[in-house]
Amino acid sequence: MKLIDTHSHIYGEEFDGDIAQVIERAKASGVEKIFLPNIDLSTVERLLFLAKTDAEMFSCMIGLYPGSVTGEVERQLDEILPYVKLSSTKAIGEIGLDFYWSRDFYEEQIHAFKTQLQWSKNMNNIPFSIHCRKAFDEILRCLKEDGRESFNGVFHCFSGDISQANKVLEMGFYLGIGGVLTFKNAHLVDVIKNIPLSNIVLETDAPYLAPVPHRGKRNEPSFVRIVAEKIAEIKNITLEEVAEITSFNAERMMKLC
């Protein structure tokens, strides 16, 4: 059985003390591939260093995270772009919009998102990972203005309703589903019931959003199996079926197959 964690920040300082053990636990749980999404210039070298330790296990996503955008967004984008163009970069991410805490740098975030969408276009439609928090309408508007009829990418940590899910799926995106699905009274259960498994990829967003029974603790890639088990329970199918289809989806999205 093969599992893929499509979104994991295990290059971060939170894992400095036991990264080898974290990777071994992931492998023991069936995880064969981990996608590493970047945050900003301060994280990219750590990400690339980890990725080079095991090219079969890790795939790089490089981009500028919306929460890192400042008034110097042009400089930030110029600094990140050379890393996006590296041959080891398989996707642009994580990119998007985040207005949960503040709408400061609203225009700068929009500009950064649109610029990185254009990078995707210029690089033969390389896939991208979208971070969307309190910004769904703005994200959709930017995507429509982009002009492509369909996209190849993922709405990371999808937290919308079924109506929003259908809009995303119509545009060609996958839904990234992680530990939030296991939380008490999670409305995502209804979404998972009503969308095909062919539109889902698994993720952890480690070290954040650990699934029950680890909620509140550090998340790690081995816990993606718990998410897969929850999807299997909701859809009344086998864990093996969830693993097979979601892994195929992830590899197809990242053009690995």
Protein backbone atom coordinates (compact mmCIF):
# COMPACT_ATOMS: atom_id res chain seq x y z
CA MET A 1 0.00 0.00 0.00
CA LYS A 2 1.38 3.40 -1.04
CA LEU A 3 0.41 6.71 0.55
CA ILE A 4 1.47 10.21 -0.52
CA ASP A 5 1.56 13.24 1.75
CA THR A 6 1.07 16.13 -0.68
CA HIS A 7 1.80 18.94 1.80
CA SER A 8 4.32 18.69 4.61
CA HIS A 9 6.72 21.25 6.12
CA ILE A 10 9.03 18.73 7.77
CA TYR A 11 12.08 20.72 6.73
CA GLY A 12 11.18 23.16 9.52
CA GLU A 13 12.98 23.62 12.83
CA GLU A 14 10.23 21.66 14.60
CA PHE A 15 11.81 18.48 13.20
CA ASP A 16 15.50 19.24 13.73
CA GLY A 17 15.82 16.81 16.62
CA ASP A 18 14.28 13.71 15.06
CA ILE A 19 13.82 14.13 11.31
CA ALA A 20 15.33 10.67 10.59
CA GLN A 21 12.83 9.02 12.93
CA VAL A 22 9.94 11.05 11.44
CA ILE A 23 10.84 9.80 7.97
CA GLU A 24 11.17 6.21 9.19
CA ARG A 25 7.73 6.37 10.84
CA ALA A 26 6.31 7.73 7.61
CA LYS A 27 7.77 4.83 5.62
CA ALA A 28 6.51 2.33 8.20
CA SER A 29 2.98 3.77 7.74
CA GLY A 30 3.14 3.29 3.97
CA VAL A 31 4.14 6.82 2.95
CA GLU A 32 6.35 6.61 -0.13
CA LYS A 33 6.33 10.24 -1.27
CA ILE A 34 6.20 13.61 0.51
CA PHE A 35 5.68 16.95 -1.23
CA LEU A 36 7.52 19.84 0.46
CA PRO A 37 5.83 23.26 0.04
CA ASN A 38 7.92 26.38 0.56
CA ILE A 39 7.04 29.47 2.65
CA ASP A 40 9.49 32.22 1.62
CA LEU A 41 13.18 32.93 1.08
CA SER A 42 14.01 32.06 4.71
CA THR A 43 12.84 28.45 4.28
CA VAL A 44 13.85 27.53 0.75
CA GLU A 45 17.42 26.39 1.51
CA ARG A 46 16.25 24.14 4.35
CA LEU A 47 13.63 22.65 2.04
CA LEU A 48 16.14 21.98 -0.74
CA PHE A 49 18.65 20.50 1.70
CA LEU A 50 16.12 17.96 2.97
CA ALA A 51 14.90 17.16 -0.54
CA LYS A 52 18.44 16.30 -1.67
CA THR A 53 18.74 13.66 1.05
CA ASP A 54 16.20 11.43 -0.74
CA ALA A 55 15.09 12.43 -4.22
CA GLU A 56 12.72 9.45 -4.42
CA MET A 57 10.89 10.37 -1.24
CA PHE A 58 10.71 14.17 -1.62
CA SER A 59 9.30 16.49 -4.28
CA CYS A 60 9.86 20.25 -4.08
CA MET A 61 7.20 22.94 -4.33
CA ILE A 62 8.66 26.44 -4.38
CA GLY A 63 6.72 29.68 -4.02
CA LEU A 64 5.92 32.68 -1.84
CA TYR A 65 3.34 32.01 0.88
CA PRO A 66 0.70 34.76 1.15
CA GLY A 67 1.25 35.24 4.88
CA SER A 68 4.86 36.22 4.16
CA VAL A 69 4.00 38.91 1.62
CA THR A 70 5.09 42.43 2.60
CA GLY A 71 5.22 45.87 1.02
CA GLU A 72 8.42 44.72 -0.70
CA VAL A 73 6.60 42.05 -2.68
CA GLU A 74 8.48 42.70 -5.94
CA ARG A 75 11.80 42.04 -4.23
CA GLN A 76 10.39 38.92 -2.58
CA LEU A 77 9.18 37.54 -5.89
CA ASP A 78 12.48 38.33 -7.60
CA GLU A 79 14.33 36.44 -4.87
CA ILE A 80 12.10 33.36 -5.07
CA LEU A 81 11.89 33.04 -8.87
CA PRO A 82 15.37 31.49 -9.43
CA TYR A 83 14.43 28.67 -7.06
CA VAL A 84 11.12 28.14 -8.86
CA LYS A 85 13.10 27.62 -12.08
CA LEU A 86 15.30 24.87 -10.60
CA SER A 87 14.95 21.48 -12.29
CA SER A 88 14.08 19.93 -8.92
CA THR A 89 10.97 22.13 -8.55
CA LYS A 90 7.90 20.06 -9.42
CA ALA A 91 5.23 22.62 -8.48
CA ILE A 92 4.76 26.23 -7.34
CA GLY A 93 3.62 26.50 -3.76
CA GLU A 94 2.30 27.24 -1.48
CA ILE A 95 0.74 30.35 -2.99
CA GLY A 96 -2.63 32.04 -2.65
CA LEU A 97 -4.37 34.51 -0.35
CA ASP A 98 -4.84 34.70 3.41
CA PHE A 99 -7.05 37.38 4.96
CA TYR A 100 -7.89 35.52 8.17
CA TRP A 101 -5.97 37.75 10.57
CA SER A 102 -5.63 40.91 8.54
CA ARG A 103 -6.23 42.53 5.17
CA ASP A 104 -2.93 44.37 5.36
CA PHE A 105 -0.99 43.95 2.15
CA TYR A 106 -4.21 43.01 0.37
CA GLU A 107 -3.09 44.35 -2.99
CA GLU A 108 0.41 42.92 -2.54
CA GLN A 109 -1.02 39.45 -1.87
CA ILE A 110 -3.20 39.68 -4.97
CA HIS A 111 -0.18 40.74 -7.01
CA ALA A 112 1.99 37.92 -5.66
CA PHE A 113 -0.70 35.34 -6.39
CA LYS A 114 -1.34 36.56 -9.93
CA THR A 115 2.39 36.75 -10.65
CA GLN A 116 2.96 33.18 -9.51
CA LEU A 117 -0.01 31.99 -11.57
CA GLN A 118 1.71 33.58 -14.55
CA TRP A 119 4.91 31.71 -13.69
CA SER A 120 2.90 28.49 -13.88
CA LYS A 121 1.66 29.47 -17.34
CA ASN A 122 5.14 30.35 -18.51
CA MET A 123 6.54 27.05 -17.24
CA ASN A 124 4.29 24.78 -19.30
CA ASN A 125 1.46 24.86 -16.76
CA ILE A 126 3.53 23.52 -13.88
CA PRO A 127 1.10 22.56 -11.08
CA PHE A 128 0.58 24.76 -8.04
CA SER A 129 -0.68 24.48 -4.46
CA ILE A 130 -3.20 27.09 -3.29
CA HIS A 131 -3.48 28.34 0.28
CA CYS A 132 -6.93 29.91 0.69
CA ARG A 133 -8.08 31.36 4.00
CA LYS A 134 -10.98 33.81 4.19
CA ALA A 135 -10.32 34.59 0.53
CA PHE A 136 -12.31 32.13 -1.58
CA ASP A 137 -14.07 34.72 -3.73
CA GLU A 138 -10.84 36.62 -4.36
CA ILE A 139 -9.03 33.40 -5.27
CA LEU A 140 -11.74 32.47 -7.78
CA ARG A 141 -11.64 35.93 -9.31
CA CYS A 142 -7.87 35.71 -9.81
CA LEU A 143 -8.18 32.27 -11.36
CA LYS A 144 -10.88 33.42 -13.77
CA GLU A 145 -8.79 36.43 -14.77
CA ASP A 146 -5.86 34.07 -15.44
CA GLY A 147 -7.67 32.88 -18.55
CA ARG A 148 -6.96 29.16 -18.51
CA GLU A 149 -9.93 26.90 -19.13
CA SER A 150 -8.68 24.39 -16.57
CA PHE A 151 -5.90 24.12 -14.02
CA ASN A 152 -3.58 21.46 -12.64
CA GLY A 153 -3.17 21.92 -8.94
CA VAL A 154 -4.59 21.52 -5.46
CA PHE A 155 -6.59 23.59 -2.99
CA HIS A 156 -4.42 22.79 0.01
CA CYS A 157 -6.23 22.14 3.30
CA PHE A 158 -9.61 22.59 1.67
CA SER A 159 -12.14 23.82 4.23
CA GLY A 160 -15.06 25.01 2.11
CA ASP A 161 -18.57 23.68 1.64
CA ILE A 162 -19.89 21.43 -1.12
CA SER A 163 -20.82 24.39 -3.34
CA GLN A 164 -17.27 25.74 -3.13
CA ALA A 165 -15.87 22.25 -3.66
CA ASN A 166 -17.83 21.85 -6.88
CA LYS A 167 -16.58 25.20 -8.17
CA VAL A 168 -13.00 24.13 -7.49
CA LEU A 169 -13.47 20.74 -9.11
CA GLU A 170 -15.02 22.29 -12.22
CA MET A 171 -11.78 24.22 -12.69
CA GLY A 172 -9.72 21.02 -12.61
CA PHE A 173 -8.29 21.22 -9.09
CA TYR A 174 -7.88 18.47 -6.53
CA LEU A 175 -8.92 18.97 -2.92
CA GLY A 176 -6.16 18.52 -0.36
CA ILE A 177 -7.67 16.76 2.65
CA GLY A 178 -5.88 16.50 5.98
CA GLY A 179 -6.37 16.18 9.71
CA VAL A 180 -9.25 18.66 9.93
CA LEU A 181 -11.47 15.90 8.51
CA THR A 182 -11.09 13.98 11.78
CA PHE A 183 -12.09 16.88 14.06
CA LYS A 184 -15.36 16.68 15.96
CA ASN A 185 -18.32 18.02 13.95
CA ALA A 186 -16.11 18.60 10.90
CA HIS A 187 -18.36 19.76 8.06
CA LEU A 188 -15.81 18.31 5.64
CA VAL A 189 -17.41 14.91 6.21
CA ASP A 190 -20.38 15.99 4.08
CA VAL A 191 -18.04 17.24 1.36
CA ILE A 192 -16.14 13.95 1.28
CA LYS A 193 -19.39 12.01 1.07
CA ASN A 194 -20.44 13.93 -2.02
CA ILE A 195 -17.31 14.21 -4.16
CA PRO A 196 -15.51 11.43 -6.03
CA LEU A 197 -12.30 9.97 -4.63
CA SER A 198 -10.74 10.81 -7.99
CA ASN A 199 -10.75 14.48 -6.92
CA ILE A 200 -8.96 14.02 -3.59
CA VAL A 201 -5.32 14.03 -2.51
CA LEU A 202 -4.08 13.42 1.02
CA GLU A 203 -1.97 15.79 3.10
CA THR A 204 -0.87 16.52 6.65
CA ASP A 205 0.36 20.15 6.61
CA ALA A 206 2.87 18.96 9.22
CA PRO A 207 3.69 20.22 11.78
CA TYR A 208 0.21 21.78 11.88
CA LEU A 209 -3.36 20.41 12.16
CA ALA A 210 -2.61 16.95 13.50
CA PRO A 211 -5.56 14.56 13.21
CA VAL A 212 -7.43 13.04 16.12
CA PRO A 213 -6.16 11.40 18.35
CA HIS A 214 -3.03 13.59 18.01
CA ARG A 215 -4.85 16.92 17.78
CA GLY A 216 -2.87 19.71 19.43
CA LYS A 217 0.43 17.87 19.03
CA ARG A 218 3.03 18.12 16.29
CA ASN A 219 1.76 16.66 13.05
CA GLU A 220 3.95 14.42 10.87
CA PRO A 221 3.63 12.52 7.57
CA SER A 222 2.92 9.13 9.16
CA PHE A 223 -0.42 10.57 10.33
CA VAL A 224 -1.63 10.84 6.73
CA ARG A 225 -2.69 7.21 7.15
CA ILE A 226 -5.24 8.34 9.77
CA VAL A 227 -6.74 10.73 7.20
CA ALA A 228 -6.90 7.91 4.64
CA GLU A 229 -8.61 5.66 7.18
CA LYS A 230 -11.20 8.36 7.91
CA ILE A 231 -11.98 8.76 4.21
CA ALA A 232 -12.33 5.00 3.87
CA GLU A 233 -14.77 5.00 6.80
CA ILE A 234 -16.85 7.86 5.36
CA LYS A 235 -17.04 6.33 1.89
CA ASN A 236 -17.39 2.75 3.14
CA ILE A 237 -14.47 1.52 1.03
CA THR A 238 -11.13 -0.07 1.87
CA LEU A 239 -8.05 1.78 3.04
CA GLU A 240 -6.18 0.21 0.14
CA GLU A 241 -8.60 1.75 -2.35
CA VAL A 242 -8.18 5.19 -0.81
CA ALA A 243 -4.40 4.85 -0.88
CA GLU A 244 -4.30 3.65 -4.47
CA ILE A 245 -6.58 6.30 -5.95
CA THR A 246 -5.31 9.30 -3.96
CA SER A 247 -1.70 8.36 -4.69
CA PHE A 248 -2.48 8.09 -8.40
CA ASN A 249 -4.15 11.52 -8.22
CA ALA A 250 -1.10 13.05 -6.53
CA GLU A 251 1.34 11.58 -9.03
CA ARG A 252 -0.80 12.67 -11.93
CA MET A 253 -1.10 16.19 -10.55
CA MET A 254 2.66 16.48 -10.10
CA LYS A 255 3.32 14.88 -13.50
CA LEU A 256 5.19 12.01 -11.88
CA CYS A 257 3.40 9.34 -13.91
